[in-house]
Amino acid sequence: MKFSVAPKKKPAELDIMDQGVTVKAIYKLEKDQLTLAFNQPGKERPKSFDKAEALLVLKRRPSKK
């Protein structure tokens, strides 16, 4: 599996490549939350988060002190 990022684009872009299949996504990182928006493999990259077929939100757990 390979990843390619373009953080300076608006919105930031992420490509995930595995076994000849590429998923084109956009992402945003806000504080402790990473949001990924993507469509099915082979489809165009989403233009915005609300137009994507799938949305994945990852939150960092607070650190234990």
Protein backbone atom coordinates (compact mmCIF):
# COMPACT_ATOMS: atom_id res chain seq x y z
CA MET A 1 0.00 0.00 0.00
CA LYS A 2 1.28 3.47 -0.91
CA PHE A 3 0.10 6.93 0.02
CA SER A 4 0.56 10.26 -1.72
CA VAL A 5 -0.39 13.56 -0.05
CA ALA A 6 -0.73 17.11 -1.30
CA PRO A 7 -1.26 19.12 1.91
CA LYS A 8 -1.01 22.54 0.22
CA LYS A 9 -4.00 21.95 -2.06
CA LYS A 10 -7.38 23.25 -0.93
CA PRO A 11 -8.84 20.95 0.25
CA ALA A 12 -5.77 18.83 1.00
CA GLU A 13 -5.55 15.67 -1.14
CA LEU A 14 -4.66 12.07 -0.34
CA ASP A 15 -4.25 9.16 -2.78
CA ILE A 16 -4.25 5.59 -1.46
CA MET A 17 -2.81 3.04 -3.90
CA ASP A 18 -2.96 -0.73 -3.41
CA GLN A 19 -2.74 -3.59 -5.92
CA GLY A 20 -3.33 -1.33 -8.91
CA VAL A 21 -6.35 0.41 -7.37
CA THR A 22 -6.29 4.09 -6.41
CA VAL A 23 -8.72 5.81 -4.07
CA LYS A 24 -8.63 9.60 -4.38
CA ALA A 25 -9.57 11.44 -1.21
CA ILE A 26 -9.54 14.83 0.44
CA TYR A 27 -8.71 15.38 4.08
CA LYS A 28 -8.54 17.93 6.86
CA LEU A 29 -6.74 17.84 10.18
CA GLU A 30 -8.24 19.96 12.93
CA LYS A 31 -6.75 19.72 16.42
CA ASP A 32 -7.07 16.03 17.36
CA GLN A 33 -9.43 15.06 14.53
CA LEU A 34 -8.61 13.75 11.04
CA THR A 35 -11.45 13.75 8.50
CA LEU A 36 -11.17 11.80 5.23
CA ALA A 37 -13.71 12.06 2.40
CA PHE A 38 -13.61 9.73 -0.59
CA ASN A 39 -15.57 8.05 -3.38
CA GLN A 40 -15.37 4.50 -4.72
CA PRO A 41 -12.09 3.45 -6.41
CA GLY A 42 -11.84 4.74 -9.97
CA LYS A 43 -14.20 7.66 -9.39
CA GLU A 44 -13.27 11.33 -9.27
CA ARG A 45 -11.89 12.90 -6.11
CA PRO A 46 -14.66 14.57 -4.05
CA LYS A 47 -14.77 18.34 -4.44
CA SER A 48 -16.04 18.86 -0.88
CA PHE A 49 -16.67 16.88 2.28
CA ASP A 50 -20.46 17.05 1.97
CA LYS A 51 -20.41 15.67 -1.61
CA ALA A 52 -18.32 12.53 -0.89
CA GLU A 53 -19.74 9.01 -0.94
CA ALA A 54 -17.91 8.14 2.30
CA LEU A 55 -16.63 10.10 5.27
CA LEU A 56 -14.23 8.77 7.90
CA VAL A 57 -13.54 10.74 11.09
CA LEU A 58 -10.68 9.69 13.38
CA LYS A 59 -10.25 11.25 16.82
CA ARG A 60 -7.17 11.01 18.99
CA ARG A 61 -7.80 9.79 22.50
CA PRO A 62 -6.76 12.17 25.26
CA SER A 63 -3.38 11.22 26.70
CA LYS A 64 -3.30 9.70 30.16
CA LYS A 65 -1.23 11.66 32.62
